[in-house]
C-alpha atoms as a PDB file:
ATOM      1  CA  UNK A   1     104.940 110.015 108.040  1.00  0.00           C
ATOM      2  CA  UNK A   2     105.413 109.159 104.356  1.00  0.00           C
ATOM      3  CA  UNK A   3     108.473 106.968 104.802  1.00  0.00           C
ATOM      4  CA  UNK A   4     108.483 103.283 105.637  1.00  0.00           C
ATOM      5  CA  UNK A   5     109.946 102.126 108.913  1.00  0.00           C
ATOM      6  CA  UNK A   6     111.617  98.891 109.953  1.00  0.00           C
ATOM      7  CA  UNK A   7     108.333  97.369 111.128  1.00  0.00           C
ATOM      8  CA  UNK A   8     106.785  98.023 107.718  1.00  0.00           C
ATOM      9  CA  UNK A   9     109.584  96.171 105.960  1.00  0.00           C
ATOM     10  CA  UNK A  10     109.327  93.298 108.446  1.00  0.00           C
ATOM     11  CA  UNK A  11     105.594  92.954 107.796  1.00  0.00           C
ATOM     12  CA  UNK A  12     106.146  93.018 104.012  1.00  0.00           C
ATOM     13  CA  UNK A  13     108.898  90.416 104.310  1.00  0.00           C
ATOM     14  CA  UNK A  14     106.865  88.176 106.599  1.00  0.00           C
ATOM     15  CA  UNK A  15     103.855  88.423 104.288  1.00  0.00           C
ATOM     16  CA  UNK A  16     106.001  87.521 101.266  1.00  0.00           C
ATOM     17  CA  UNK A  17     107.528  84.543 103.070  1.00  0.00           C
ATOM     18  CA  UNK A  18     104.115  83.246 104.184  1.00  0.00           C
ATOM     19  CA  UNK A  19     102.526  83.629 100.737  1.00  0.00           C
ATOM     20  CA  UNK A  20     105.530  82.160  98.906  1.00  0.00           C
ATOM     21  CA  UNK A  21     105.752  79.289 101.404  1.00  0.00           C
ATOM     22  CA  UNK A  22     102.079  78.486 100.950  1.00  0.00           C
ATOM     23  CA  UNK A  23     102.494  78.632  97.178  1.00  0.00           C
ATOM     24  CA  UNK A  24     105.418  76.229  97.235  1.00  0.00           C
ATOM     25  CA  UNK A  25     103.548  73.904  99.603  1.00  0.00           C
ATOM     26  CA  UNK A  26     100.522  73.768  97.290  1.00  0.00           C
ATOM     27  CA  UNK A  27     102.786  73.362  94.242  1.00  0.00           C
ATOM     28  CA  UNK A  28     104.657  70.390  95.682  1.00  0.00           C
ATOM     29  CA  UNK A  29     101.482  68.845  97.081  1.00  0.00           C
ATOM     30  CA  UNK A  30      99.802  68.997  93.663  1.00  0.00           C
ATOM     31  CA  UNK A  31     102.995  67.879  91.916  1.00  0.00           C
ATOM     32  CA  UNK A  32     102.793  64.548  93.743  1.00  0.00           C
ATOM     33  CA  UNK A  33      99.383  63.855  92.224  1.00  0.00           C
ATOM     34  CA  UNK A  34      99.166  62.717  88.639  1.00  0.00           C
ATOM     35  CA  UNK A  35      96.888  64.294  86.060  1.00  0.00           C
ATOM     36  CA  UNK A  36      94.226  61.822  85.047  1.00  0.00           C
ATOM     37  CA  UNK A  37      92.260  63.785  82.474  1.00  0.00           C
ATOM     38  CA  UNK A  38      91.520  67.211  81.054  1.00  0.00           C
ATOM     39  CA  UNK A  39      88.887  67.695  83.793  1.00  0.00           C
ATOM     40  CA  UNK A  40      91.730  68.269  86.255  1.00  0.00           C
ATOM     41  CA  UNK A  41      92.442  71.564  84.474  1.00  0.00           C
ATOM     42  CA  UNK A  42      88.879  72.886  84.453  1.00  0.00           C
ATOM     43  CA  UNK A  43      87.047  75.010  87.020  1.00  0.00           C
ATOM     44  CA  UNK A  44      84.072  72.694  87.362  1.00  0.00           C
ATOM     45  CA  UNK A  45      85.324  71.201  90.652  1.00  0.00           C
ATOM     46  CA  UNK A  46      85.864  74.628  92.229  1.00  0.00           C
ATOM     47  CA  UNK A  47      83.060  76.144  94.272  1.00  0.00           C
ATOM     48  CA  UNK A  48      83.328  79.714  95.515  1.00  0.00           C
ATOM     49  CA  UNK A  49      81.247  80.994  98.393  1.00  0.00           C
ATOM     50  CA  UNK A  50      79.087  84.087  98.002  1.00  0.00           C
ATOM     51  CA  UNK A  51      81.168  86.126 100.440  1.00  0.00           C
ATOM     52  CA  UNK A  52      84.432  85.377  98.602  1.00  0.00           C
ATOM     53  CA  UNK A  53      82.917  86.498  95.311  1.00  0.00           C
ATOM     54  CA  UNK A  54      81.416  89.597  96.938  1.00  0.00           C
ATOM     55  CA  UNK A  55      84.694  90.549  98.624  1.00  0.00           C
ATOM     56  CA  UNK A  56      86.514  90.128  95.332  1.00  0.00           C
ATOM     57  CA  UNK A  57      84.031  92.353  93.512  1.00  0.00           C
ATOM     58  CA  UNK A  58      84.172  95.043  96.179  1.00  0.00           C
ATOM     59  CA  UNK A  59      87.978  94.955  96.337  1.00  0.00           C
ATOM     60  CA  UNK A  60      88.327  95.179  92.571  1.00  0.00           C
ATOM     61  CA  UNK A  61      85.959  98.136  92.238  1.00  0.00           C
ATOM     62  CA  UNK A  62      86.991 100.085  95.348  1.00  0.00           C
ATOM     63  CA  UNK A  63      88.856 103.318  94.742  1.00  0.00           C
ATOM     64  CA  UNK A  64      89.605 105.805  97.496  1.00  0.00           C
ATOM     65  CA  UNK A  65      88.059 109.224  96.948  1.00  0.00           C
ATOM     66  CA  UNK A  66      91.435 110.954  97.173  1.00  0.00           C
ATOM     67  CA  UNK A  67      92.938 108.831  94.407  1.00  0.00           C
ATOM     68  CA  UNK A  68      94.254 110.637  91.352  1.00  0.00           C
ATOM     69  CA  UNK A  69      93.567 107.670  89.048  1.00  0.00           C
END
């Protein structure tokens, strides 16, 4: 039960390919645009929803009770 099986490796590989593909797509899409000012590098245009912030806080503070850390 503690070892990984073929399906586990396939899911990890598929996840990596999807995330890397999305990253490259965003990179090349943004690379086509030119930087007009220093405001393009700031966070003032980014708006996060309350549920995304809440999920991030819960995920970063969650620790299973059987964890040794």
